[in-house]
Amino acid sequence: KPSQGECKVVGRVCCDSTGKMNASSVVLEGSIDVSYGKRVSVDLRALDKYSLFPGQIVALEGTNPTGRKFIPTKILDAVPLKTRAISPDKPVTVFGACGPYTSQDSLSYEPLADLLS
């Protein structure tokens, strides 16, 4: 939705074309619940530096003056998670995995479900 003033948005980084993602092919995809999975182009020229990859979930601050292109002025930092003490009495199992956990044609997270089963 158009916004002349600064606003914060969260979404999944996607590429608007086939092949490698570059600064002019970045789009932000909203959630199914909030924006029905709609996508908006992202104009990264206002950022000094950035590092994005397809499937990454990001929070951006910026404007969307026309409703067709979001212009971020800042990539917001992730909120640190609370840590918990590990009990020496219980074994700890750690899994490592790297997304994206969705395919290009579906947001169903089937690859993640397969990994966890």
N, C-alpha and C. Protein backbone atom coordinates (compact mmCIF):
# COMPACT_ATOMS: atom_id res chain seq x y z
N LYS A 1 0.85 -1.16 0.00
CA LYS A 1 0.00 0.00 0.00
C LYS A 1 0.90 1.23 0.00
N PRO A 2 0.57 2.26 -0.76
CA PRO A 2 1.42 3.45 -0.84
C PRO A 2 1.62 4.10 0.53
N SER A 3 2.85 4.60 0.73
CA SER A 3 3.18 5.27 1.99
C SER A 3 4.23 6.33 1.72
N GLN A 4 3.84 7.61 1.84
CA GLN A 4 4.78 8.70 1.65
C GLN A 4 5.73 8.81 2.84
N GLY A 5 5.24 8.47 4.03
CA GLY A 5 6.06 8.54 5.24
C GLY A 5 6.81 7.24 5.47
N GLU A 6 7.78 7.30 6.38
CA GLU A 6 8.56 6.11 6.73
C GLU A 6 7.65 5.05 7.33
N CYS A 7 7.85 3.81 6.95
CA CYS A 7 7.10 2.69 7.52
C CYS A 7 8.04 1.49 7.63
N LYS A 8 7.64 0.53 8.42
CA LYS A 8 8.41 -0.70 8.58
C LYS A 8 7.63 -1.85 7.97
N VAL A 9 8.34 -2.70 7.23
CA VAL A 9 7.72 -3.85 6.59
C VAL A 9 8.57 -5.10 6.84
N VAL A 10 7.93 -6.24 6.83
CA VAL A 10 8.62 -7.52 6.98
C VAL A 10 8.19 -8.41 5.82
N GLY A 11 9.12 -9.13 5.25
CA GLY A 11 8.78 -10.02 4.16
C GLY A 11 9.95 -10.92 3.78
N ARG A 12 9.69 -11.73 2.77
CA ARG A 12 10.68 -12.67 2.27
C ARG A 12 11.31 -12.11 1.01
N VAL A 13 12.63 -12.12 0.94
CA VAL A 13 13.37 -11.64 -0.23
C VAL A 13 13.20 -12.66 -1.36
N CYS A 14 12.81 -12.16 -2.53
CA CYS A 14 12.66 -13.01 -3.72
C CYS A 14 13.31 -12.31 -4.90
N CYS A 15 13.45 -13.05 -5.98
CA CYS A 15 14.01 -12.52 -7.22
C CYS A 15 12.89 -12.45 -8.25
N ASP A 16 12.80 -11.35 -8.98
CA ASP A 16 11.70 -11.19 -9.93
C ASP A 16 11.96 -11.85 -11.28
N SER A 17 13.10 -12.50 -11.41
CA SER A 17 13.42 -13.15 -12.68
C SER A 17 14.16 -14.45 -12.41
N THR A 18 14.38 -15.22 -13.46
CA THR A 18 15.17 -16.43 -13.30
C THR A 18 16.64 -16.05 -13.39
N GLY A 19 17.48 -16.84 -12.80
CA GLY A 19 18.91 -16.54 -12.80
C GLY A 19 19.32 -15.93 -11.47
N LYS A 20 20.50 -15.33 -11.46
CA LYS A 20 21.04 -14.76 -10.22
C LYS A 20 20.32 -13.48 -9.84
N MET A 21 20.14 -13.31 -8.53
CA MET A 21 19.52 -12.09 -8.01
C MET A 21 20.54 -10.96 -8.05
N ASN A 22 20.09 -9.78 -8.44
CA ASN A 22 20.95 -8.61 -8.42
C ASN A 22 20.15 -7.43 -7.86
N ALA A 23 20.77 -6.27 -7.74
CA ALA A 23 20.15 -5.12 -7.10
C ALA A 23 18.84 -4.69 -7.77
N SER A 24 18.70 -4.94 -9.06
CA SER A 24 17.48 -4.50 -9.75
C SER A 24 16.41 -5.59 -9.84
N SER A 25 16.70 -6.79 -9.33
CA SER A 25 15.71 -7.85 -9.42
C SER A 25 15.12 -8.27 -8.07
N VAL A 26 15.40 -7.50 -7.01
CA VAL A 26 14.93 -7.86 -5.67
C VAL A 26 13.47 -7.45 -5.49
N VAL A 27 12.66 -8.37 -5.01
CA VAL A 27 11.28 -8.08 -4.63
C VAL A 27 11.06 -8.59 -3.22
N LEU A 28 10.13 -7.97 -2.51
CA LEU A 28 9.78 -8.38 -1.16
C LEU A 28 8.39 -8.98 -1.20
N GLU A 29 8.27 -10.20 -0.69
CA GLU A 29 7.00 -10.92 -0.69
C GLU A 29 6.42 -10.90 0.72
N GLY A 30 5.18 -10.44 0.83
CA GLY A 30 4.52 -10.40 2.12
C GLY A 30 3.94 -11.74 2.50
N SER A 31 3.48 -11.85 3.73
CA SER A 31 2.91 -13.11 4.21
C SER A 31 1.53 -13.34 3.60
N ILE A 32 1.13 -14.59 3.59
CA ILE A 32 -0.20 -14.94 3.08
C ILE A 32 -1.28 -14.30 3.94
N ASP A 33 -1.08 -14.30 5.26
CA ASP A 33 -2.09 -13.77 6.20
C ASP A 33 -2.30 -12.27 6.07
N VAL A 34 -1.21 -11.52 5.92
CA VAL A 34 -1.30 -10.05 5.94
C VAL A 34 -1.51 -9.45 4.55
N SER A 35 -0.75 -9.93 3.55
CA SER A 35 -0.81 -9.29 2.24
C SER A 35 -1.13 -10.26 1.10
N TYR A 36 -1.62 -11.44 1.46
CA TYR A 36 -1.98 -12.45 0.46
C TYR A 36 -0.81 -12.84 -0.43
N GLY A 37 0.41 -12.73 0.10
CA GLY A 37 1.60 -13.12 -0.66
C GLY A 37 1.98 -12.18 -1.78
N LYS A 38 1.44 -10.97 -1.77
CA LYS A 38 1.77 -10.01 -2.84
C LYS A 38 3.24 -9.61 -2.76
N ARG A 39 3.77 -9.21 -3.89
CA ARG A 39 5.18 -8.81 -4.00
C ARG A 39 5.28 -7.35 -4.42
N VAL A 40 6.35 -6.71 -3.93
CA VAL A 40 6.64 -5.34 -4.32
C VAL A 40 8.13 -5.25 -4.65
N SER A 41 8.46 -4.53 -5.71
CA SER A 41 9.87 -4.32 -6.08
C SER A 41 10.56 -3.53 -4.98
N VAL A 42 11.85 -3.78 -4.82
CA VAL A 42 12.65 -3.07 -3.81
C VAL A 42 13.76 -2.32 -4.52
N ASP A 43 13.84 -1.01 -4.27
CA ASP A 43 14.88 -0.15 -4.83
C ASP A 43 15.97 0.03 -3.78
N LEU A 44 17.11 -0.63 -3.96
CA LEU A 44 18.17 -0.65 -2.95
C LEU A 44 19.16 0.50 -3.05
N ARG A 45 18.95 1.45 -3.96
CA ARG A 45 19.93 2.51 -4.18
C ARG A 45 20.17 3.42 -2.98
N ALA A 46 19.20 3.52 -2.07
CA ALA A 46 19.36 4.41 -0.91
C ALA A 46 20.21 3.77 0.20
N LEU A 47 20.50 2.48 0.08
CA LEU A 47 21.30 1.79 1.10
C LEU A 47 22.78 1.83 0.72
N ASP A 48 23.63 2.15 1.71
CA ASP A 48 25.08 2.16 1.46
C ASP A 48 25.61 0.75 1.22
N LYS A 49 25.14 -0.19 2.06
CA LYS A 49 25.57 -1.58 1.91
C LYS A 49 24.44 -2.49 2.35
N TYR A 50 24.43 -3.68 1.79
CA TYR A 50 23.41 -4.67 2.13
C TYR A 50 23.90 -6.04 1.70
N SER A 51 23.31 -7.05 2.29
CA SER A 51 23.60 -8.43 1.92
C SER A 51 22.29 -9.20 2.02
N LEU A 52 21.76 -9.61 0.90
CA LEU A 52 20.46 -10.30 0.85
C LEU A 52 20.59 -11.58 0.04
N PHE A 53 19.73 -12.55 0.34
CA PHE A 53 19.68 -13.76 -0.45
C PHE A 53 18.23 -14.19 -0.59
N PRO A 54 17.87 -14.89 -1.67
CA PRO A 54 16.49 -15.33 -1.87
C PRO A 54 16.03 -16.22 -0.72
N GLY A 55 14.84 -15.95 -0.21
CA GLY A 55 14.28 -16.72 0.89
C GLY A 55 14.52 -16.09 2.25
N GLN A 56 15.41 -15.11 2.32
CA GLN A 56 15.72 -14.45 3.59
C GLN A 56 14.52 -13.64 4.07
N ILE A 57 14.22 -13.73 5.36
CA ILE A 57 13.17 -12.92 5.96
C ILE A 57 13.83 -11.66 6.50
N VAL A 58 13.34 -10.50 6.08
CA VAL A 58 13.95 -9.24 6.48
C VAL A 58 12.90 -8.25 6.98
N ALA A 59 13.35 -7.32 7.80
CA ALA A 59 12.54 -6.17 8.21
C ALA A 59 13.22 -4.94 7.64
N LEU A 60 12.45 -4.14 6.92
CA LEU A 60 12.99 -2.95 6.27
C LEU A 60 12.24 -1.71 6.74
N GLU A 61 12.93 -0.59 6.76
CA GLU A 61 12.30 0.69 7.05
C GLU A 61 12.50 1.56 5.81
N GLY A 62 11.45 2.22 5.37
CA GLY A 62 11.55 3.05 4.18
C GLY A 62 10.20 3.57 3.74
N THR A 63 10.09 3.92 2.46
CA THR A 63 8.85 4.46 1.92
C THR A 63 8.42 3.66 0.70
N ASN A 64 7.14 3.77 0.37
CA ASN A 64 6.57 3.14 -0.81
C ASN A 64 5.65 4.17 -1.45
N PRO A 65 6.23 5.20 -2.06
CA PRO A 65 5.44 6.35 -2.52
C PRO A 65 4.36 6.04 -3.55
N THR A 66 4.59 5.06 -4.42
CA THR A 66 3.61 4.76 -5.47
C THR A 66 2.84 3.48 -5.23
N GLY A 67 3.29 2.68 -4.27
CA GLY A 67 2.69 1.36 -4.05
C GLY A 67 3.28 0.29 -4.94
N ARG A 68 4.22 0.67 -5.81
CA ARG A 68 4.83 -0.28 -6.74
C ARG A 68 6.29 -0.58 -6.45
N LYS A 69 6.95 0.29 -5.67
CA LYS A 69 8.37 0.10 -5.38
C LYS A 69 8.67 0.58 -3.97
N PHE A 70 9.18 -0.32 -3.12
CA PHE A 70 9.55 0.04 -1.76
C PHE A 70 11.00 0.52 -1.78
N ILE A 71 11.24 1.66 -1.13
CA ILE A 71 12.58 2.26 -1.10
C ILE A 71 13.08 2.21 0.34
N PRO A 72 13.86 1.18 0.70
CA PRO A 72 14.33 1.08 2.08
C PRO A 72 15.46 2.06 2.36
N THR A 73 15.43 2.61 3.56
CA THR A 73 16.53 3.46 4.02
C THR A 73 17.36 2.73 5.07
N LYS A 74 16.81 1.61 5.57
CA LYS A 74 17.51 0.87 6.61
C LYS A 74 17.02 -0.57 6.62
N ILE A 75 17.96 -1.50 6.81
CA ILE A 75 17.63 -2.89 7.08
C ILE A 75 17.70 -3.04 8.59
N LEU A 76 16.60 -3.41 9.22
CA LEU A 76 16.54 -3.47 10.68
C LEU A 76 17.24 -4.72 11.19
N ASP A 77 17.90 -4.56 12.32
CA ASP A 77 18.64 -5.67 12.93
C ASP A 77 17.68 -6.69 13.51
N ALA A 78 18.14 -7.92 13.56
CA ALA A 78 17.36 -8.99 14.18
C ALA A 78 17.34 -8.79 15.69
N VAL A 79 16.27 -9.19 16.30
CA VAL A 79 16.15 -9.11 17.75
C VAL A 79 16.85 -10.33 18.34
N PRO A 80 17.77 -10.12 19.29
CA PRO A 80 18.45 -11.28 19.87
C PRO A 80 17.49 -12.14 20.69
N LEU A 81 17.67 -13.44 20.60
CA LEU A 81 16.83 -14.37 21.34
C LEU A 81 17.35 -14.51 22.77
N LYS A 82 16.44 -14.81 23.68
CA LYS A 82 16.83 -15.07 25.06
C LYS A 82 17.60 -16.39 25.11
N THR A 83 18.61 -16.44 25.96
CA THR A 83 19.37 -17.67 26.13
C THR A 83 18.88 -18.41 27.37
N ARG A 84 19.02 -19.72 27.33
CA ARG A 84 18.64 -20.55 28.47
C ARG A 84 19.84 -21.37 28.91
N ALA A 85 19.91 -21.61 30.19
CA ALA A 85 20.99 -22.43 30.72
C ALA A 85 20.77 -23.88 30.30
N ILE A 86 21.85 -24.56 29.97
CA ILE A 86 21.78 -25.97 29.60
C ILE A 86 22.05 -26.80 30.84
N SER A 87 21.19 -27.75 31.09
CA SER A 87 21.33 -28.63 32.24
C SER A 87 22.33 -29.72 31.92
N PRO A 88 23.32 -29.94 32.79
CA PRO A 88 24.29 -31.01 32.53
C PRO A 88 23.68 -32.41 32.65
N ASP A 89 22.46 -32.50 33.22
CA ASP A 89 21.81 -33.80 33.40
C ASP A 89 21.12 -34.30 32.13
N LYS A 90 20.77 -33.40 31.25
CA LYS A 90 20.03 -33.78 30.05
C LYS A 90 20.92 -33.62 28.81
N PRO A 91 20.88 -34.61 27.91
CA PRO A 91 21.68 -34.47 26.68
C PRO A 91 21.08 -33.39 25.77
N VAL A 92 21.94 -32.78 25.01
CA VAL A 92 21.52 -31.73 24.08
C VAL A 92 21.76 -32.21 22.65
N THR A 93 20.75 -32.07 21.81
CA THR A 93 20.87 -32.41 20.40
C THR A 93 20.77 -31.13 19.60
N VAL A 94 21.71 -30.92 18.71
CA VAL A 94 21.73 -29.70 17.91
C VAL A 94 21.69 -30.11 16.44
N PHE A 95 20.78 -29.47 15.68
CA PHE A 95 20.69 -29.68 14.25
C PHE A 95 21.06 -28.37 13.56
N GLY A 96 21.75 -28.46 12.47
CA GLY A 96 22.05 -27.28 11.66
C GLY A 96 21.46 -27.46 10.28
N ALA A 97 20.81 -26.43 9.78
CA ALA A 97 20.23 -26.49 8.44
C ALA A 97 20.22 -25.08 7.86
N CYS A 98 20.23 -25.00 6.56
CA CYS A 98 20.25 -23.71 5.90
C CYS A 98 19.14 -23.67 4.85
N GLY A 99 18.30 -22.61 4.92
CA GLY A 99 17.18 -22.48 4.00
C GLY A 99 17.62 -21.95 2.66
N PRO A 100 16.75 -21.60 1.76
CA PRO A 100 15.33 -21.42 2.00
C PRO A 100 14.59 -22.75 2.13
N TYR A 101 13.51 -22.74 2.85
CA TYR A 101 12.74 -23.94 3.13
C TYR A 101 11.46 -24.00 2.31
N THR A 102 11.37 -23.20 1.29
CA THR A 102 10.24 -23.24 0.37
C THR A 102 10.78 -23.37 -1.04
N SER A 103 9.96 -23.88 -1.92
CA SER A 103 10.37 -23.96 -3.32
C SER A 103 9.94 -22.69 -4.03
N GLN A 104 10.42 -22.50 -5.24
CA GLN A 104 10.10 -21.28 -5.99
C GLN A 104 8.62 -21.16 -6.32
N ASP A 105 7.92 -22.28 -6.41
CA ASP A 105 6.52 -22.24 -6.82
C ASP A 105 5.53 -22.50 -5.68
N SER A 106 6.03 -22.60 -4.42
CA SER A 106 5.13 -22.90 -3.32
C SER A 106 5.67 -22.33 -2.01
N LEU A 107 4.78 -21.82 -1.17
CA LEU A 107 5.15 -21.32 0.14
C LEU A 107 4.75 -22.29 1.25
N SER A 108 4.67 -23.58 0.93
CA SER A 108 4.13 -24.56 1.87
C SER A 108 5.14 -25.08 2.88
N TYR A 109 6.41 -24.76 2.76
CA TYR A 109 7.46 -25.21 3.69
C TYR A 109 7.59 -26.73 3.73
N GLU A 110 7.24 -27.42 2.64
CA GLU A 110 7.39 -28.87 2.59
C GLU A 110 8.82 -29.33 2.79
N PRO A 111 9.84 -28.66 2.20
CA PRO A 111 11.23 -29.10 2.45
C PRO A 111 11.59 -29.02 3.94
N LEU A 112 11.11 -28.03 4.64
CA LEU A 112 11.38 -27.93 6.08
C LEU A 112 10.67 -29.04 6.84
N ALA A 113 9.44 -29.32 6.50
CA ALA A 113 8.69 -30.40 7.16
C ALA A 113 9.38 -31.74 6.94
N ASP A 114 9.91 -31.97 5.72
CA ASP A 114 10.64 -33.20 5.43
C ASP A 114 11.90 -33.30 6.28
N LEU A 115 12.60 -32.19 6.44
CA LEU A 115 13.81 -32.16 7.24
C LEU A 115 13.52 -32.48 8.70
N LEU A 116 12.44 -31.95 9.23
CA LEU A 116 12.12 -32.13 10.64
C LEU A 116 11.49 -33.49 10.95
N SER A 117 11.00 -34.19 9.94
CA SER A 117 10.35 -35.49 10.21
C SER A 117 11.35 -36.62 10.29
